[in-house]
C-alpha atoms as a PDB file:
ATOM      1  CA  MET A   1      86.099  83.612  73.280  1.00  0.00           C
ATOM      2  CA  SER A   2      82.593  82.896  74.525  1.00  0.00           C
ATOM      3  CA  HIS A   3      80.612  80.431  72.422  1.00  0.00           C
ATOM      4  CA  ASN A   4      77.846  83.062  72.393  1.00  0.00           C
ATOM      5  CA  THR A   5      80.115  85.588  70.635  1.00  0.00           C
ATOM      6  CA  GLU A   6      81.682  84.511  67.329  1.00  0.00           C
ATOM      7  CA  PHE A   7      82.930  86.872  64.617  1.00  0.00           C
ATOM      8  CA  ALA A   8      85.017  86.584  61.471  1.00  0.00           C
ATOM      9  CA  ILE A   9      86.441  88.989  58.886  1.00  0.00           C
ATOM     10  CA  SER A  10      86.026  88.246  55.209  1.00  0.00           C
ATOM     11  CA  ARG A  11      86.769  90.055  51.955  1.00  0.00           C
ATOM     12  CA  PHE A  12      83.679  91.246  50.130  1.00  0.00           C
ATOM     13  CA  GLU A  13      83.385  92.491  46.531  1.00  0.00           C
ATOM     14  CA  ASN A  14      80.734  95.170  46.030  1.00  0.00           C
ATOM     15  CA  ARG A  15      78.657  95.421  42.830  1.00  0.00           C
ATOM     16  CA  ASN A  16      80.550  98.568  41.824  1.00  0.00           C
ATOM     17  CA  GLY A  17      83.815  96.621  41.948  1.00  0.00           C
ATOM     18  CA  ALA A  18      85.093  98.141  45.197  1.00  0.00           C
ATOM     19  CA  THR A  19      86.506  95.851  47.855  1.00  0.00           C
ATOM     20  CA  SER A  20      85.125  95.882  51.378  1.00  0.00           C
ATOM     21  CA  TRP A  21      85.962  93.974  54.522  1.00  0.00           C
ATOM     22  CA  ARG A  22      83.020  92.458  56.293  1.00  0.00           C
ATOM     23  CA  VAL A  23      82.689  91.636  59.985  1.00  0.00           C
ATOM     24  CA  ASP A  24      80.151  88.882  60.327  1.00  0.00           C
ATOM     25  CA  GLY A  25      78.978  86.948  63.335  1.00  0.00           C
ATOM     26  CA  ARG A  26      76.563  86.532  66.228  1.00  0.00           C
ATOM     27  CA  MET A  27      76.460  87.983  69.708  1.00  0.00           C
ATOM     28  CA  HIS A  28      74.280  85.927  72.062  1.00  0.00           C
ATOM     29  CA  GLY A  29      72.077  84.808  69.191  1.00  0.00           C
ATOM     30  CA  VAL A  30      71.839  88.193  67.424  1.00  0.00           C
ATOM     31  CA  ARG A  31      73.254  88.371  63.888  1.00  0.00           C
ATOM     32  CA  ILE A  32      75.678  91.251  63.234  1.00  0.00           C
ATOM     33  CA  ARG A  33      77.081  92.126  59.777  1.00  0.00           C
ATOM     34  CA  ARG A  34      79.078  95.298  59.089  1.00  0.00           C
ATOM     35  CA  ASN A  35      81.218  96.417  56.125  1.00  0.00           C
ATOM     36  CA  PHE A  36      84.417  98.506  56.268  1.00  0.00           C
ATOM     37  CA  LYS A  37      86.719  99.991  53.649  1.00  0.00           C
ATOM     38  CA  THR A  38      89.908  98.576  55.176  1.00  0.00           C
ATOM     39  CA  ARG A  39      90.830  95.386  56.939  1.00  0.00           C
ATOM     40  CA  GLU A  40      92.295  97.407  59.845  1.00  0.00           C
ATOM     41  CA  ALA A  41      88.940  99.112  60.469  1.00  0.00           C
ATOM     42  CA  ALA A  42      87.151  95.773  60.318  1.00  0.00           C
ATOM     43  CA  ALA A  43      89.634  94.216  62.779  1.00  0.00           C
ATOM     44  CA  ALA A  44      89.139  97.108  65.207  1.00  0.00           C
ATOM     45  CA  GLU A  45      85.349  96.693  65.045  1.00  0.00           C
ATOM     46  CA  MET A  46      85.585  92.960  65.579  1.00  0.00           C
ATOM     47  CA  ALA A  47      87.743  93.536  68.686  1.00  0.00           C
ATOM     48  CA  VAL A  48      85.127  95.951  70.054  1.00  0.00           C
ATOM     49  CA  LEU A  49      82.299  93.506  69.417  1.00  0.00           C
ATOM     50  CA  GLU A  50      84.189  90.634  71.032  1.00  0.00           C
ATOM     51  CA  LEU A  51      84.906  92.783  74.092  1.00  0.00           C
ATOM     52  CA  LYS A  52      81.225  93.713  74.365  1.00  0.00           C
ATOM     53  CA  GLY A  53      80.325  90.059  74.166  1.00  0.00           C
ATOM     54  CA  LEU A  54      82.740  89.135  76.946  1.00  0.00           C
ATOM     55  CA  GLN A  55      81.516  91.999  79.111  1.00  0.00           C
ATOM     56  CA  ALA A  56      77.889  91.012  78.605  1.00  0.00           C
ATOM     57  CA  ALA A  57      78.695  87.413  79.509  1.00  0.00           C
ATOM     58  CA  ALA A  58      80.406  88.599  82.709  1.00  0.00           C
ATOM     59  CA  GLY A  59      77.538  90.900  83.658  1.00  0.00           C
ATOM     60  CA  LEU A  60      79.492  94.054  82.754  1.00  0.00           C
ATOM     61  CA  HIS A  61      78.055  96.976  80.835  1.00  0.00           C
ATOM     62  CA  VAL A  62      79.539  99.462  78.416  1.00  0.00           C
ATOM     63  CA  ALA A  63      78.428 103.055  79.014  1.00  0.00           C
ATOM     64  CA  THR A  64      79.611 106.574  78.232  1.00  0.00           C
ATOM     65  CA  THR A  65      80.354 108.452  81.463  1.00  0.00           C
ATOM     66  CA  PHE A  66      82.063 111.619  82.672  1.00  0.00           C
ATOM     67  CA  LEU A  67      83.356 109.794  85.780  1.00  0.00           C
ATOM     68  CA  THR A  68      87.035 109.043  86.171  1.00  0.00           C
ATOM     69  CA  GLU A  69      88.320 105.491  86.637  1.00  0.00           C
ATOM     70  CA  ASP A  70      88.674 105.997  90.418  1.00  0.00           C
ATOM     71  CA  GLN A  71      85.165 107.464  90.650  1.00  0.00           C
ATOM     72  CA  LEU A  72      83.728 104.487  88.760  1.00  0.00           C
ATOM     73  CA  ARG A  73      85.442 102.053  91.128  1.00  0.00           C
ATOM     74  CA  GLU A  74      84.146 103.982  94.159  1.00  0.00           C
ATOM     75  CA  SER A  75      80.609 103.982  92.705  1.00  0.00           C
ATOM     76  CA  GLU A  76      80.738 100.229  92.136  1.00  0.00           C
ATOM     77  CA  SER A  77      81.952  99.739  95.723  1.00  0.00           C
ATOM     78  CA  ALA A  78      79.079 101.861  97.050  1.00  0.00           C
ATOM     79  CA  PHE A  79      76.472  99.836  95.165  1.00  0.00           C
ATOM     80  CA  ARG A  80      77.970  96.554  96.388  1.00  0.00           C
ATOM     81  CA  ARG A  81      77.762  97.802  99.995  1.00  0.00           C
ATOM     82  CA  LEU A  82      74.086  98.667  99.496  1.00  0.00           C
ATOM     83  CA  ALA A  83      73.177  95.206  98.230  1.00  0.00           C
ATOM     84  CA  GLY A  84      70.087  93.965 100.051  1.00  0.00           C
ATOM     85  CA  ARG A  85      69.240  97.329 101.604  1.00  0.00           C
ATOM     86  CA  PRO A  86      65.760  98.798 101.071  1.00  0.00           C
ATOM     87  CA  TRP A  87      66.762 102.302  99.910  1.00  0.00           C
ATOM     88  CA  SER A  88      68.638 103.644  96.902  1.00  0.00           C
ATOM     89  CA  LEU A  89      72.127 105.141  96.902  1.00  0.00           C
ATOM     90  CA  THR A  90      70.623 108.579  96.266  1.00  0.00           C
ATOM     91  CA  CYS A  91      68.377 108.254  99.318  1.00  0.00           C
ATOM     92  CA  TYR A  92      71.313 107.457 101.610  1.00  0.00           C
ATOM     93  CA  LEU A  93      73.360 110.244 100.026  1.00  0.00           C
ATOM     94  CA  ASP A  94      70.571 112.790 100.607  1.00  0.00           C
ATOM     95  CA  TYR A  95      70.393 111.762 104.268  1.00  0.00           C
ATOM     96  CA  ALA A  96      74.160 112.068 104.698  1.00  0.00           C
ATOM     97  CA  LEU A  97      74.232 115.515 103.087  1.00  0.00           C
ATOM     98  CA  ALA A  98      71.405 116.693 105.347  1.00  0.00           C
ATOM     99  CA  ASN A  99      72.821 115.332 108.609  1.00  0.00           C
ATOM    100  CA  PHE A 100      76.601 115.057 108.305  1.00  0.00           C
ATOM    101  CA  ARG A 101      78.525 117.810 110.067  1.00  0.00           C
ATOM    102  CA  GLU A 102      81.947 118.486 108.637  1.00  0.00           C
ATOM    103  CA  PRO A 103      84.461 119.230 111.404  1.00  0.00           C
ATOM    104  CA  ALA A 104      85.512 122.868 111.291  1.00  0.00           C
ATOM    105  CA  ARG A 105      89.200 121.995 111.669  1.00  0.00           C
ATOM    106  CA  ASP A 106      91.498 119.195 112.754  1.00  0.00           C
ATOM    107  CA  VAL A 107      91.969 120.122 116.423  1.00  0.00           C
ATOM    108  CA  PRO A 108      94.817 118.494 118.412  1.00  0.00           C
ATOM    109  CA  LEU A 109      93.690 116.743 121.575  1.00  0.00           C
ATOM    110  CA  ALA A 110      96.005 118.793 123.793  1.00  0.00           C
ATOM    111  CA  ALA A 111      94.600 122.111 122.546  1.00  0.00           C
ATOM    112  CA  ALA A 112      91.022 120.890 122.933  1.00  0.00           C
ATOM    113  CA  VAL A 113      91.628 119.715 126.520  1.00  0.00           C
ATOM    114  CA  ASP A 114      93.234 123.027 127.450  1.00  0.00           C
ATOM    115  CA  GLU A 115      90.285 125.024 126.114  1.00  0.00           C
ATOM    116  CA  TYR A 116      87.757 122.719 127.776  1.00  0.00           C
ATOM    117  CA  LEU A 117      89.502 122.967 131.150  1.00  0.00           C
ATOM    118  CA  ALA A 118      89.529 126.748 130.823  1.00  0.00           C
ATOM    119  CA  THR A 119      85.717 126.715 130.561  1.00  0.00           C
ATOM    120  CA  LYS A 120      85.505 124.429 133.592  1.00  0.00           C
ATOM    121  CA  ARG A 121      87.693 126.783 135.634  1.00  0.00           C
ATOM    122  CA  ARG A 122      85.345 129.633 134.750  1.00  0.00           C
ATOM    123  CA  GLU A 123      82.403 127.508 135.907  1.00  0.00           C
ATOM    124  CA  HIS A 124      84.254 126.896 139.166  1.00  0.00           C
ATOM    125  CA  GLU A 125      84.822 130.639 139.631  1.00  0.00           C
ATOM    126  CA  ARG A 126      81.082 131.182 139.179  1.00  0.00           C
ATOM    127  CA  THR A 127      80.423 128.442 141.797  1.00  0.00           C
ATOM    128  CA  ILE A 128      78.733 126.235 139.179  1.00  0.00           C
ATOM    129  CA  LEU A 129      81.402 123.565 139.630  1.00  0.00           C
ATOM    130  CA  SER A 130      82.897 122.462 142.929  1.00  0.00           C
ATOM    131  CA  GLU A 131      86.621 122.297 143.618  1.00  0.00           C
ATOM    132  CA  ARG A 132      86.428 118.518 143.921  1.00  0.00           C
ATOM    133  CA  GLN A 133      84.648 118.157 140.565  1.00  0.00           C
ATOM    134  CA  LEU A 134      87.126 120.437 138.821  1.00  0.00           C
ATOM    135  CA  ARG A 135      90.059 118.513 140.270  1.00  0.00           C
ATOM    136  CA  SER A 136      88.577 115.186 139.149  1.00  0.00           C
ATOM    137  CA  ILE A 137      87.916 116.438 135.602  1.00  0.00           C
ATOM    138  CA  LYS A 138      91.387 117.939 135.312  1.00  0.00           C
ATOM    139  CA  TYR A 139      93.068 114.771 136.577  1.00  0.00           C
ATOM    140  CA  GLU A 140      91.237 112.544 134.099  1.00  0.00           C
ATOM    141  CA  LEU A 141      91.730 114.784 131.068  1.00  0.00           C
ATOM    142  CA  GLU A 142      95.407 115.409 131.818  1.00  0.00           C
ATOM    143  CA  ALA A 143      95.884 111.632 131.931  1.00  0.00           C
ATOM    144  CA  PHE A 144      93.937 111.323 128.681  1.00  0.00           C
ATOM    145  CA  LYS A 145      96.107 113.960 127.039  1.00  0.00           C
ATOM    146  CA  MET A 146      99.311 112.255 128.171  1.00  0.00           C
ATOM    147  CA  ARG A 147      98.101 108.890 126.849  1.00  0.00           C
ATOM    148  CA  PHE A 148      97.513 110.274 123.328  1.00  0.00           C
ATOM    149  CA  PRO A 149      99.947 113.189 122.883  1.00  0.00           C
ATOM    150  CA  ALA A 150      99.986 113.105 119.060  1.00  0.00           C
ATOM    151  CA  LEU A 151      96.324 112.483 118.199  1.00  0.00           C
ATOM    152  CA  SER A 152      93.697 114.935 117.028  1.00  0.00           C
ATOM    153  CA  LEU A 153      90.055 114.721 118.094  1.00  0.00           C
ATOM    154  CA  ALA A 154      88.921 113.356 114.734  1.00  0.00           C
ATOM    155  CA  GLN A 155      91.186 110.308 115.106  1.00  0.00           C
ATOM    156  CA  PHE A 156      89.421 108.835 118.146  1.00  0.00           C
ATOM    157  CA  SER A 157      87.162 105.818 117.667  1.00  0.00           C
ATOM    158  CA  ALA A 158      84.987 103.895 120.104  1.00  0.00           C
ATOM    159  CA  ALA A 159      87.486 101.012 120.135  1.00  0.00           C
ATOM    160  CA  THR A 160      90.367 103.343 121.097  1.00  0.00           C
ATOM    161  CA  LEU A 161      88.316 104.884 123.884  1.00  0.00           C
ATOM    162  CA  ILE A 162      87.200 101.527 125.284  1.00  0.00           C
ATOM    163  CA  ASN A 163      90.830 100.408 125.614  1.00  0.00           C
ATOM    164  CA  TYR A 164      91.589 103.633 127.458  1.00  0.00           C
ATOM    165  CA  LEU A 165      88.558 103.389 129.760  1.00  0.00           C
ATOM    166  CA  GLU A 166      89.401  99.800 130.715  1.00  0.00           C
ATOM    167  CA  ARG A 167      93.090 100.467 131.400  1.00  0.00           C
ATOM    168  CA  GLY A 168      94.528  99.050 134.597  1.00  0.00           C
ATOM    169  CA  ALA A 169      91.712  96.507 135.015  1.00  0.00           C
ATOM    170  CA  ALA A 170      89.419  99.326 136.178  1.00  0.00           C
ATOM    171  CA  SER A 171      86.297  98.532 138.189  1.00  0.00           C
ATOM    172  CA  LEU A 172      82.923  99.194 136.577  1.00  0.00           C
ATOM    173  CA  LYS A 173      82.457 102.304 138.717  1.00  0.00           C
ATOM    174  CA  THR A 174      85.859 103.699 137.694  1.00  0.00           C
ATOM    175  CA  TYR A 175      85.110 102.881 134.056  1.00  0.00           C
ATOM    176  CA  ASN A 176      81.786 104.740 134.241  1.00  0.00           C
ATOM    177  CA  ASN A 177      83.400 107.739 135.949  1.00  0.00           C
ATOM    178  CA  ARG A 178      86.054 107.981 133.246  1.00  0.00           C
ATOM    179  CA  ARG A 179      83.427 107.587 130.551  1.00  0.00           C
ATOM    180  CA  GLY A 180      81.332 110.383 132.048  1.00  0.00           C
ATOM    181  CA  VAL A 181      84.242 112.840 131.947  1.00  0.00           C
ATOM    182  CA  LEU A 182      85.161 111.947 128.363  1.00  0.00           C
ATOM    183  CA  SER A 183      81.538 112.016 127.225  1.00  0.00           C
ATOM    184  CA  THR A 184      81.092 115.587 128.463  1.00  0.00           C
ATOM    185  CA  PHE A 185      84.429 116.596 126.928  1.00  0.00           C
ATOM    186  CA  PHE A 186      83.613 115.159 123.492  1.00  0.00           C
ATOM    187  CA  LYS A 187      80.109 116.658 123.668  1.00  0.00           C
ATOM    188  CA  PHE A 188      81.797 120.027 124.147  1.00  0.00           C
ATOM    189  CA  ALA A 189      84.002 119.322 121.104  1.00  0.00           C
ATOM    190  CA  PHE A 190      80.964 118.331 119.038  1.00  0.00           C
ATOM    191  CA  GLN A 191      79.187 121.576 119.905  1.00  0.00           C
ATOM    192  CA  LYS A 192      82.309 123.441 118.800  1.00  0.00           C
ATOM    193  CA  ASP A 193      82.152 121.629 115.420  1.00  0.00           C
ATOM    194  CA  TRP A 194      85.564 120.100 116.059  1.00  0.00           C
ATOM    195  CA  ILE A 195      84.223 116.579 115.435  1.00  0.00           C
ATOM    196  CA  ALA A 196      81.370 115.167 113.342  1.00  0.00           C
ATOM    197  CA  ALA A 197      80.083 112.825 116.077  1.00  0.00           C
ATOM    198  CA  ASN A 198      80.695 111.970 119.720  1.00  0.00           C
ATOM    199  CA  PRO A 199      82.660 108.663 119.756  1.00  0.00           C
ATOM    200  CA  VAL A 200      81.855 108.053 123.441  1.00  0.00           C
ATOM    201  CA  GLU A 201      78.221 107.404 122.498  1.00  0.00           C
ATOM    202  CA  LYS A 202      79.327 104.111 120.922  1.00  0.00           C
ATOM    203  CA  THR A 203      81.093 102.896 124.071  1.00  0.00           C
ATOM    204  CA  PRO A 204      79.156 100.767 126.585  1.00  0.00           C
ATOM    205  CA  TYR A 205      77.872 102.083 129.896  1.00  0.00           C
ATOM    206  CA  HIS A 206      77.818  99.540 132.727  1.00  0.00           C
ATOM    207  CA  ARG A 207      74.828  99.325 135.023  1.00  0.00           C
ATOM    208  CA  ILE A 208      75.940  98.526 138.563  1.00  0.00           C
ATOM    209  CA  SER A 209      73.524  96.752 140.893  1.00  0.00           C
ATOM    210  CA  HIS A 210      73.800  97.912 144.494  1.00  0.00           C
ATOM    211  CA  ARG A 211      73.220  95.495 147.371  1.00  0.00           C
ATOM    212  CA  ARG A 212      70.390  96.698 149.568  1.00  0.00           C
ATOM    213  CA  GLY A 213      71.084  96.842 153.297  1.00  0.00           C
ATOM    214  CA  SER A 214      68.685  95.406 155.903  1.00  0.00           C
ATOM    215  CA  ALA A 215      68.268  96.058 159.624  1.00  0.00           C
ATOM    216  CA  THR A 216      68.943  93.314 162.125  1.00  0.00           C
ATOM    217  CA  THR A 217      65.707  91.730 163.388  1.00  0.00           C
ATOM    218  CA  ILE A 218      65.257  91.341 167.196  1.00  0.00           C
ATOM    219  CA  ASN A 219      62.741  89.142 169.047  1.00  0.00           C
ATOM    220  CA  ALA A 220      59.686  90.394 170.947  1.00  0.00           C
ATOM    221  CA  GLU A 221      61.224  90.018 174.393  1.00  0.00           C
ATOM    222  CA  LEU A 222      64.255  92.092 173.516  1.00  0.00           C
ATOM    223  CA  ALA A 223      62.051  94.663 171.800  1.00  0.00           C
ATOM    224  CA  ALA A 224      59.929  95.026 174.981  1.00  0.00           C
ATOM    225  CA  LYS A 225      63.022  95.577 177.135  1.00  0.00           C
ATOM    226  CA  LEU A 226      64.328  98.142 174.646  1.00  0.00           C
ATOM    227  CA  MET A 227      61.054 100.092 174.672  1.00  0.00           C
ATOM    228  CA  ALA A 228      60.900 100.035 178.462  1.00  0.00           C
ATOM    229  CA  HIS A 229      64.429 101.424 178.601  1.00  0.00           C
ATOM    230  CA  VAL A 230      63.644 104.178 176.059  1.00  0.00           C
ATOM    231  CA  GLU A 231      60.593 105.269 178.110  1.00  0.00           C
ATOM    232  CA  THR A 232      62.900 106.242 180.992  1.00  0.00           C
ATOM    233  CA  PHE A 233      64.517 108.982 178.828  1.00  0.00           C
END
């Protein structure tokens, strides 16, 4: 028991001759004295007071709440995660409720790819998409579908996609090409409300520096001969 919380039960004779049981003690310097008709009731009160004292010493608080035990634990976890942040839990919750988009349904990857490719074939028929572009998109997404045959769209994370994009020690150009196809595909899924966010947006895009070419420099004498030769044509 904490030295700041000390209680004892004693028998007390009232002036009318009735016997009472008194709980007497201090909790963090505050004197508490309560009388009960039975020793059992006094013992129960003393146990409650001692528990309150221990909770206060540990920084815990006793409060009446309609939350379940699991909900209380989740609330405590949320407040711990917000430690040091400038806004309240309610503020972050309001933002999430205003901006979070719940996926309409858990769509399998294979079904999503098939529907996306169907739209691309229609674009090809309307001459919006070239045959070469359609073939490239189909090749990449069929490979993507074969790599993850059992996953749904909601299960993809940036880390999973990065491992896929880098497969086979791909060059930066190949990586970017794969990323472009997947980005457009997941953007399509997002617009369909199949996913809450586009995971490709959290994958890196590599900037590739191209080496500039330069013409070979010739001397003045050779330049004069070249110009004289050109004048004959």
